[in-house]
């Protein structure tokens, strides 16, 4: 199985019709052609098993097609994006990653010269080149340029956020339990913590081996070991990232999920607190409404986009947003670079907690209180999507105060909402409901499931 979407390319590495060498070659060659078979292309990988081989293979293909490669090695996707955005001579980037997908998956995220992921039109142009079955071009071979120094530059850029309260963070002497699912965040995040003055970092899955000790998506059901470790070590906080470290999720000092949606809420609060009124914030249609509640305190405007990091990032540029992101634990702060970044998220979270003087559990209780419930429907074909959405709309839209079909179907009600959409990365439909209580959200989700 091979899935290409606005989120890039993902496939099963063992499948004869999945992420084969032939498929990787085709996409890497097409990307080289889109860069005019010339100039620098930044490349990194997320550390998962088999990723290094694909990284070296992609590097080979690009070099053979005339591109120089800025070789970052095992780094977070945000570091690859940072490398592109901050270097005007870089024509684009490729991150070898399947993000939060399981061990049997890998993929490629394609980055434009702007440092943003390819948008829909740019992806379609790339796909057209792929479908034309490109062959290697007879250009002068490129060269490989080692660029591990960019890890330090990325960290220093985060530390340079002007309102980051480094003194308060160091004074709190935080004890953190860290889970990088042994992926690309294994080394860079602990380095950041050290620079921030964190007193103790207890690593439970941060050896960089790429062997996932649990399902890699940083959601509560996959973080039970982290929750237990926070209690065992009596730590102040648990921090988890996904394999390519663009998402950051917290565990409270009581060993309970801070809830992945609240990462962006903390970040928005911290940034708006240090900014003038009338700022703009951008999140996607599936992100908690707590963002609106926080934004209202600072007279800020919230804009919502279809799911997909590029959609949020481009809207942020359009409206001049100071902060944005997604409720999955993805925070975008353009002051560092315009992409989801777990380093930025972790730093802003620690600064918020340090200056508030509250424990993580106390801070969670002080935030707007909503419950999000999620489920999914497995698809045998993507053709099912249209019928399912029409069915749900027909049966539930009557009581809605707002209806958006910008990305699937989002129904807004007085104090709750439902979003139903096809996944960009898996053959499923995602259903998400939010309400003031879990039972209300579950009822809304159950009503949607009944119609499907």
Protein backbone atom coordinates (compact mmCIF):
# COMPACT_ATOMS: atom_id res chain seq x y z
CA UNK A 1 0.00 0.00 0.00
CA UNK A 2 1.27 3.44 -1.01
CA UNK A 3 -0.56 6.60 0.10
CA UNK A 4 0.27 10.02 -1.30
CA UNK A 5 -1.46 13.11 -0.02
CA UNK A 6 -0.89 16.68 1.08
CA UNK A 7 1.04 15.13 3.99
CA UNK A 8 3.55 13.49 1.66
CA UNK A 9 4.16 9.85 0.78
CA UNK A 10 3.74 6.85 3.09
CA UNK A 11 3.86 3.15 2.39
CA UNK A 12 4.34 -0.29 3.85
CA UNK A 13 8.01 -1.15 3.52
CA UNK A 14 7.43 -4.90 3.12
CA UNK A 15 4.70 -4.70 0.49
CA UNK A 16 5.55 -5.34 -3.15
CA UNK A 17 3.26 -2.43 -4.06
CA UNK A 18 4.29 -0.25 -1.10
CA UNK A 19 7.36 1.85 -0.42
CA UNK A 20 9.67 -0.11 -2.70
CA UNK A 21 13.08 1.09 -3.88
CA UNK A 22 11.49 1.73 -7.26
CA UNK A 23 8.87 4.01 -5.69
CA UNK A 24 11.46 5.87 -3.59
CA UNK A 25 13.67 6.28 -6.67
CA UNK A 26 10.77 7.68 -8.70
CA UNK A 27 9.81 10.27 -6.07
CA UNK A 28 13.40 11.31 -5.31
CA UNK A 29 14.17 11.68 -9.03
CA UNK A 30 10.99 13.69 -9.56
CA UNK A 31 11.86 15.94 -6.63
CA UNK A 32 15.34 16.50 -8.10
CA UNK A 33 13.68 17.45 -11.38
CA UNK A 34 11.40 19.89 -9.55
CA UNK A 35 14.60 21.48 -8.16
CA UNK A 36 15.92 21.78 -11.75
CA UNK A 37 18.43 18.98 -11.03
CA UNK A 38 20.66 21.52 -9.37
CA UNK A 39 21.35 23.23 -6.05
CA UNK A 40 21.13 22.09 -2.44
CA UNK A 41 18.49 19.71 -1.05
CA UNK A 42 18.35 19.10 2.71
CA UNK A 43 17.74 15.46 3.71
CA UNK A 44 17.19 13.80 7.09
CA UNK A 45 15.45 10.73 8.53
CA UNK A 46 13.41 9.98 11.63
CA UNK A 47 15.46 7.05 12.95
CA UNK A 48 12.95 4.24 12.44
CA UNK A 49 14.23 0.82 11.42
CA UNK A 50 15.19 0.88 7.74
CA UNK A 51 15.16 4.67 7.61
CA UNK A 52 18.91 5.08 7.39
CA UNK A 53 19.07 2.86 4.30
CA UNK A 54 16.31 4.89 2.61
CA UNK A 55 18.09 8.11 3.64
CA UNK A 56 21.29 6.94 1.99
CA UNK A 57 19.39 5.73 -1.08
CA UNK A 58 17.53 9.05 -1.49
CA UNK A 59 20.83 10.91 -1.07
CA UNK A 60 22.36 8.74 -3.83
CA UNK A 61 19.45 9.38 -6.20
CA UNK A 62 19.57 13.14 -5.64
CA UNK A 63 23.34 13.28 -6.14
CA UNK A 64 23.07 11.18 -9.31
CA UNK A 65 20.50 13.67 -10.57
CA UNK A 66 22.77 16.66 -10.11
CA UNK A 67 21.67 17.93 -6.69
CA UNK A 68 24.00 18.64 -3.80
CA UNK A 69 22.70 17.13 -0.56
CA UNK A 70 22.79 18.88 2.79
CA UNK A 71 23.02 15.67 4.83
CA UNK A 72 21.51 16.09 8.30
CA UNK A 73 21.41 12.42 9.32
CA UNK A 74 18.90 11.34 11.98
CA UNK A 75 17.04 14.53 12.90
CA UNK A 76 13.46 15.64 13.52
CA UNK A 77 11.46 16.73 10.50
CA UNK A 78 11.35 20.24 12.03
CA UNK A 79 15.16 20.39 11.82
CA UNK A 80 15.01 19.62 8.09
CA UNK A 81 12.38 22.35 7.66
CA UNK A 82 14.50 24.76 9.73
CA UNK A 83 17.52 23.99 7.53
CA UNK A 84 15.58 24.86 4.38
CA UNK A 85 13.78 27.96 5.67
CA UNK A 86 16.90 29.52 7.19
CA UNK A 87 19.20 28.91 4.21
CA UNK A 88 18.30 30.80 1.04
CA UNK A 89 20.57 28.60 -1.07
CA UNK A 90 18.60 25.41 -0.26
CA UNK A 91 16.03 24.55 -2.94
CA UNK A 92 14.00 22.11 -0.87
CA UNK A 93 14.13 19.21 1.50
CA UNK A 94 13.08 15.60 2.04
CA UNK A 95 12.43 14.07 5.44
CA UNK A 96 12.41 10.26 5.42
CA UNK A 97 9.60 9.55 7.87
CA UNK A 98 6.20 8.00 8.35
CA UNK A 99 5.54 10.36 11.26
CA UNK A 100 3.31 8.61 13.83
CA UNK A 101 2.66 5.51 11.70
CA UNK A 102 3.84 2.12 12.97
CA UNK A 103 7.13 0.31 12.48
CA UNK A 104 5.99 -1.31 9.25
CA UNK A 105 5.57 2.07 7.55
CA UNK A 106 7.98 4.64 6.16
CA UNK A 107 7.61 7.59 3.86
CA UNK A 108 8.85 10.90 2.52
CA UNK A 109 7.79 14.43 3.43
CA UNK A 110 8.65 16.96 0.73
CA UNK A 111 9.64 20.52 1.65
CA UNK A 112 9.56 23.51 -0.70
CA UNK A 113 12.26 26.19 -0.88
CA UNK A 114 10.17 28.26 1.54
CA UNK A 115 10.70 25.70 4.29
CA UNK A 116 7.01 24.73 4.17
CA UNK A 117 5.69 21.38 3.02
CA UNK A 118 4.49 21.23 -0.57
CA UNK A 119 0.93 22.50 -0.89
CA UNK A 120 -1.76 20.77 -2.96
CA UNK A 121 -0.71 22.33 -6.27
CA UNK A 122 3.00 21.71 -5.65
CA UNK A 123 2.25 18.10 -4.71
CA UNK A 124 0.22 17.62 -7.87
CA UNK A 125 3.11 18.93 -9.97
CA UNK A 126 5.45 16.48 -8.21
CA UNK A 127 3.03 13.60 -8.74
CA UNK A 128 2.78 14.47 -12.43
CA UNK A 129 6.56 14.18 -12.70
CA UNK A 130 6.47 10.84 -10.83
CA UNK A 131 3.71 9.45 -13.03
CA UNK A 132 5.74 10.36 -16.10
CA UNK A 133 8.20 7.69 -14.87
CA UNK A 134 11.35 9.81 -14.74
CA UNK A 135 14.76 8.33 -15.40
CA UNK A 136 18.01 9.57 -13.92
CA UNK A 137 19.32 12.57 -15.82
CA UNK A 138 22.89 12.80 -17.13
CA UNK A 139 23.93 15.85 -15.15
CA UNK A 140 27.15 16.51 -13.34
CA UNK A 141 26.97 14.56 -10.10
CA UNK A 142 26.22 16.52 -6.97
CA UNK A 143 28.07 16.22 -3.69
CA UNK A 144 27.13 15.35 -0.12
CA UNK A 145 27.69 18.08 2.48
CA UNK A 146 27.60 17.11 6.15
CA UNK A 147 25.28 19.41 8.09
CA UNK A 148 25.01 18.03 11.62
CA UNK A 149 25.82 21.53 12.91
CA UNK A 150 22.24 22.50 12.07
CA UNK A 151 21.06 20.59 15.16
CA UNK A 152 22.86 23.14 17.34
CA UNK A 153 21.54 26.02 15.24
CA UNK A 154 17.99 24.71 15.64
CA UNK A 155 18.38 24.50 19.42
CA UNK A 156 19.90 27.98 19.64
CA UNK A 157 17.03 29.40 17.59
CA UNK A 158 14.54 28.00 20.11
CA UNK A 159 16.55 29.37 23.04
CA UNK A 160 16.51 32.78 21.34
CA UNK A 161 12.70 33.11 21.55
CA UNK A 162 12.64 36.59 23.14
CA UNK A 163 10.07 35.93 25.87
CA UNK A 164 11.23 32.43 26.80
CA UNK A 165 11.80 32.71 30.55
CA UNK A 166 15.09 30.82 30.81
CA UNK A 167 15.73 32.05 34.35
CA UNK A 168 12.34 30.84 35.60
CA UNK A 169 12.74 27.46 33.87
CA UNK A 170 16.15 26.87 35.45
CA UNK A 171 14.89 28.03 38.86
CA UNK A 172 12.08 25.44 38.82
CA UNK A 173 14.69 22.63 38.58
CA UNK A 174 12.32 20.48 36.57
CA UNK A 175 12.54 16.70 36.63
CA UNK A 176 11.32 15.29 33.30
CA UNK A 177 10.69 11.75 32.09
CA UNK A 178 11.22 11.66 28.34
CA UNK A 179 9.87 9.27 25.68
CA UNK A 180 11.09 9.77 22.11
CA UNK A 181 9.90 6.30 21.03
CA UNK A 182 13.63 5.83 20.26
CA UNK A 183 13.23 8.05 17.21
CA UNK A 184 14.79 11.27 15.97
CA UNK A 185 14.01 13.24 19.12
CA UNK A 186 16.22 10.94 21.20
CA UNK A 187 19.25 13.24 21.25
CA UNK A 188 18.14 16.73 20.26
CA UNK A 189 15.42 17.12 22.91
CA UNK A 190 17.69 16.14 25.84
CA UNK A 191 20.25 18.64 24.52
CA UNK A 192 17.57 21.32 24.54
CA UNK A 193 16.49 20.37 28.07
CA UNK A 194 20.09 20.68 29.24
CA UNK A 195 20.40 24.14 27.68
CA UNK A 196 17.11 25.17 29.31
CA UNK A 197 18.48 24.25 32.73
CA UNK A 198 16.26 21.23 33.36
CA UNK A 199 17.68 19.54 36.46
CA UNK A 200 16.97 15.91 35.56
CA UNK A 201 15.97 14.07 32.38
CA UNK A 202 15.01 10.42 32.79
CA UNK A 203 14.99 8.70 29.39
CA UNK A 204 12.71 5.69 29.00
CA UNK A 205 12.71 5.44 25.18
CA UNK A 206 15.39 7.73 23.83
CA UNK A 207 18.27 5.58 22.64
CA UNK A 208 17.96 6.46 18.93
CA UNK A 209 17.70 2.79 17.95
CA UNK A 210 14.51 3.25 15.95
CA UNK A 211 12.92 0.27 17.70
CA UNK A 212 9.53 1.48 18.88
CA UNK A 213 8.73 0.07 22.36
CA UNK A 214 5.06 0.91 21.85
CA UNK A 215 2.79 2.29 19.15
CA UNK A 216 4.47 5.54 18.13
CA UNK A 217 1.55 7.95 18.04
CA UNK A 218 1.79 10.01 21.26
CA UNK A 219 -1.76 9.54 22.48
CA UNK A 220 -2.77 8.46 26.02
CA UNK A 221 -3.33 4.76 25.27
CA UNK A 222 0.24 4.49 23.94
CA UNK A 223 1.90 6.35 26.83
CA UNK A 224 1.08 4.13 29.80
CA UNK A 225 4.75 3.39 30.50
CA UNK A 226 5.52 7.11 30.52
CA UNK A 227 2.64 7.79 32.92
CA UNK A 228 3.88 5.05 35.25
CA UNK A 229 7.47 6.34 35.07
CA UNK A 230 6.42 9.87 36.03
CA UNK A 231 4.84 8.42 39.18
CA UNK A 232 7.76 6.08 39.86
CA UNK A 233 10.36 8.86 39.68
CA UNK A 234 8.03 11.49 41.20
CA UNK A 235 8.85 13.71 38.25
CA UNK A 236 7.38 17.13 37.51
CA UNK A 237 6.43 16.25 33.98
CA UNK A 238 6.44 13.63 31.26
CA UNK A 239 7.21 14.64 27.67
CA UNK A 240 6.61 12.43 24.63
CA UNK A 241 7.28 13.06 20.96
CA UNK A 242 6.53 11.01 17.85
CA UNK A 243 9.28 9.44 15.67
CA UNK A 244 9.97 12.56 13.62
CA UNK A 245 9.50 14.82 16.66
CA UNK A 246 7.11 17.37 15.24
CA UNK A 247 4.48 16.60 17.90
CA UNK A 248 4.89 17.10 21.65
CA UNK A 249 2.59 15.66 24.31
CA UNK A 250 2.75 16.14 28.08
CA UNK A 251 2.04 13.98 31.13
CA UNK A 252 1.25 15.72 34.43
CA UNK A 253 3.14 15.26 37.69
CA UNK A 254 0.33 12.90 38.75
CA UNK A 255 1.10 10.56 35.86
CA UNK A 256 -2.05 11.58 33.97
CA UNK A 257 -2.32 12.83 30.38
CA UNK A 258 -2.14 16.60 30.13
CA UNK A 259 -4.06 15.83 26.91
CA UNK A 260 -2.40 16.38 23.54
CA UNK A 261 -4.87 19.15 22.66
CA UNK A 262 -3.58 21.24 25.55
CA UNK A 263 -0.06 21.51 24.14
CA UNK A 264 -1.24 24.11 21.62
CA UNK A 265 -3.40 25.76 24.30
CA UNK A 266 -0.34 26.24 26.55
CA UNK A 267 1.70 27.58 23.64
CA UNK A 268 -1.00 30.02 22.54
CA UNK A 269 -1.38 31.32 26.09
CA UNK A 270 2.38 31.75 26.53
CA UNK A 271 2.87 33.59 23.24
CA UNK A 272 -0.19 35.84 23.50
CA UNK A 273 0.71 36.77 27.08
CA UNK A 274 3.88 38.39 25.77
CA UNK A 275 2.38 39.96 22.64
CA UNK A 276 0.17 42.95 22.00
CA UNK A 277 -3.60 42.59 21.68
CA UNK A 278 -5.26 41.95 18.34
CA UNK A 279 -2.95 39.10 17.28
CA UNK A 280 -3.93 36.27 14.93
CA UNK A 281 -3.88 32.55 15.79
CA UNK A 282 -4.40 29.70 13.30
CA UNK A 283 -5.45 26.12 14.12
CA UNK A 284 -7.16 23.38 12.15
CA UNK A 285 -10.80 22.35 12.23
CA UNK A 286 -10.09 19.43 14.58
CA UNK A 287 -8.38 21.46 17.31
CA UNK A 288 -9.94 22.15 20.70
CA UNK A 289 -12.16 25.20 21.14
CA UNK A 290 -10.13 26.03 24.25
CA UNK A 291 -7.87 27.94 21.84
CA UNK A 292 -10.74 30.38 21.21
CA UNK A 293 -11.29 30.78 24.95
CA UNK A 294 -7.63 31.64 25.56
CA UNK A 295 -7.44 33.90 22.50
CA UNK A 296 -10.49 35.85 23.70
CA UNK A 297 -8.62 36.76 26.90
CA UNK A 298 -6.03 38.57 24.77
CA UNK A 299 -8.40 39.99 22.14
CA UNK A 300 -6.87 37.70 19.49
CA UNK A 301 -8.61 36.32 16.39
CA UNK A 302 -8.64 32.57 15.71
CA UNK A 303 -8.72 31.25 12.14
CA UNK A 304 -9.43 27.59 11.30
CA UNK A 305 -8.20 25.60 8.31
CA UNK A 306 -8.51 22.09 6.91
CA UNK A 307 -6.32 19.52 8.65
CA UNK A 308 -2.78 19.36 7.29
CA UNK A 309 0.20 21.32 8.52
CA UNK A 310 0.67 23.13 5.22
CA UNK A 311 -2.89 24.47 5.41
CA UNK A 312 -2.26 25.94 8.86
CA UNK A 313 1.17 27.30 7.89
CA UNK A 314 -0.03 29.04 4.73
CA UNK A 315 -2.97 30.61 6.55
CA UNK A 316 -0.56 31.82 9.23
CA UNK A 317 1.50 33.55 6.57
CA UNK A 318 -1.64 34.99 4.96
CA UNK A 319 -2.96 36.62 8.16
CA UNK A 320 0.39 37.26 9.85
CA UNK A 321 -0.34 34.89 12.74
CA UNK A 322 2.04 34.96 15.68
CA UNK A 323 1.30 31.37 16.77
CA UNK A 324 -0.59 28.38 15.41
CA UNK A 325 -0.66 24.63 15.16
CA UNK A 326 -2.77 21.55 15.60
CA UNK A 327 -4.38 19.80 18.55
CA UNK A 328 -2.32 16.66 17.98
CA UNK A 329 0.56 18.28 19.87
CA UNK A 330 1.89 20.31 16.95
CA UNK A 331 2.98 23.90 17.64
CA UNK A 332 4.06 26.36 14.93
CA UNK A 333 5.93 29.48 16.00
CA UNK A 334 7.21 31.42 12.95
CA UNK A 335 9.88 33.11 15.05
CA UNK A 336 11.83 29.83 14.81
CA UNK A 337 10.39 28.43 11.56
CA UNK A 338 6.94 27.95 10.07
CA UNK A 339 6.41 24.28 10.84
CA UNK A 340 5.29 22.05 13.70
CA UNK A 341 8.16 21.68 16.12
CA UNK A 342 8.35 19.66 19.35
CA UNK A 343 11.36 21.68 20.52
CA UNK A 344 9.36 24.89 20.33
CA UNK A 345 6.35 23.22 21.99
CA UNK A 346 8.41 21.81 24.87
CA UNK A 347 10.21 25.11 25.48
CA UNK A 348 7.00 27.16 25.51
CA UNK A 349 5.30 24.62 27.79
CA UNK A 350 8.17 24.69 30.29
CA UNK A 351 8.25 28.50 30.22
CA UNK A 352 4.50 28.64 30.83
CA UNK A 353 4.66 26.20 33.74
CA UNK A 354 7.73 27.89 35.24
CA UNK A 355 6.26 31.40 35.20
CA UNK A 356 2.85 30.26 36.45
CA UNK A 357 4.35 28.61 39.51
CA UNK A 358 1.79 25.83 39.10
CA UNK A 359 2.41 22.11 38.84
CA UNK A 360 1.42 20.47 35.55
CA UNK A 361 -1.74 19.01 37.09
CA UNK A 362 -2.70 22.39 38.57
CA UNK A 363 -2.08 24.11 35.26
CA UNK A 364 -4.21 21.58 33.43
CA UNK A 365 -7.07 22.26 35.85
CA UNK A 366 -6.73 26.00 35.28
CA UNK A 367 -7.18 25.72 31.49
CA UNK A 368 -10.61 25.77 29.78
CA UNK A 369 -12.18 22.38 30.36
CA UNK A 370 -13.36 20.32 27.40
CA UNK A 371 -13.32 16.63 26.55
CA UNK A 372 -12.40 15.29 23.12
CA UNK A 373 -13.33 11.78 22.04
CA UNK A 374 -12.00 10.22 18.85
CA UNK A 375 -12.83 7.14 16.82
CA UNK A 376 -12.28 5.90 13.29
CA UNK A 377 -13.95 3.89 10.58
CA UNK A 378 -11.82 1.54 8.48
CA UNK A 379 -12.31 1.98 4.74
CA UNK A 380 -12.20 -0.68 2.07
CA UNK A 381 -12.04 2.11 -0.52
CA UNK A 382 -11.85 5.90 -0.43
CA UNK A 383 -15.00 6.02 -2.56
CA UNK A 384 -16.96 5.31 0.64
CA UNK A 385 -16.11 8.73 2.08
CA UNK A 386 -18.65 10.83 0.16
CA UNK A 387 -21.60 8.63 1.08
CA UNK A 388 -20.68 8.46 4.76
CA UNK A 389 -20.30 12.24 5.05
CA UNK A 390 -23.61 12.86 3.28
CA UNK A 391 -25.35 10.39 5.61
CA UNK A 392 -23.99 12.06 8.75
CA UNK A 393 -24.82 15.54 7.49
CA UNK A 394 -28.36 14.54 6.61
CA UNK A 395 -29.06 13.14 10.08
CA UNK A 396 -27.18 15.55 12.36
CA UNK A 397 -26.91 18.94 10.64
CA UNK A 398 -30.38 20.17 11.60
CA UNK A 399 -29.30 21.22 15.09
CA UNK A 400 -25.95 22.70 14.09
CA UNK A 401 -25.11 26.38 14.51
CA UNK A 402 -22.30 26.16 11.93
CA UNK A 403 -21.44 23.80 9.10
CA UNK A 404 -18.08 23.60 7.34
CA UNK A 405 -17.26 21.32 4.44
CA UNK A 406 -13.78 22.72 3.89
CA UNK A 407 -12.34 19.42 5.13
CA UNK A 408 -14.85 16.60 5.32
CA UNK A 409 -17.70 17.75 7.54
CA UNK A 410 -17.52 19.87 10.70
CA UNK A 411 -20.73 20.56 12.59
CA UNK A 412 -20.61 23.21 15.30
CA UNK A 413 -23.19 23.31 18.06
CA UNK A 414 -23.69 25.75 20.94
CA UNK A 415 -20.93 24.31 23.15
CA UNK A 416 -19.64 21.28 21.22
CA UNK A 417 -18.57 20.19 17.76
CA UNK A 418 -18.13 17.13 15.53
CA UNK A 419 -15.55 16.74 12.77
CA UNK A 420 -15.63 13.81 10.33
CA UNK A 421 -12.96 13.54 7.65
CA UNK A 422 -10.88 11.12 5.62
CA UNK A 423 -7.33 10.70 6.93
CA UNK A 424 -4.50 12.09 4.80
CA UNK A 425 -2.19 9.29 5.87
CA UNK A 426 -4.24 6.13 6.50
CA UNK A 427 -7.21 4.35 4.80
CA UNK A 428 -9.66 5.47 7.51
CA UNK A 429 -12.27 8.10 8.33
CA UNK A 430 -11.55 9.99 11.54
CA UNK A 431 -14.39 11.11 13.81
CA UNK A 432 -13.68 13.69 16.53
CA UNK A 433 -16.17 15.20 18.96
CA UNK A 434 -15.58 17.80 21.69
CA UNK A 435 -17.92 18.91 24.46
CA UNK A 436 -17.73 20.20 28.06
CA UNK A 437 -18.01 16.63 29.37
CA UNK A 438 -16.82 13.27 28.07
CA UNK A 439 -20.32 11.81 28.14
CA UNK A 440 -21.66 14.62 25.92
CA UNK A 441 -18.81 14.11 23.45
CA UNK A 442 -19.37 10.34 23.45
CA UNK A 443 -23.09 10.80 22.72
CA UNK A 444 -22.25 13.06 19.76
CA UNK A 445 -19.72 10.55 18.47
CA UNK A 446 -22.16 7.66 18.95
CA UNK A 447 -24.82 9.54 16.97
CA UNK A 448 -22.34 9.97 14.11
CA UNK A 449 -21.33 6.31 14.24
CA UNK A 450 -24.95 5.21 14.14
CA UNK A 451 -25.45 6.99 10.84
CA UNK A 452 -22.39 5.30 9.34
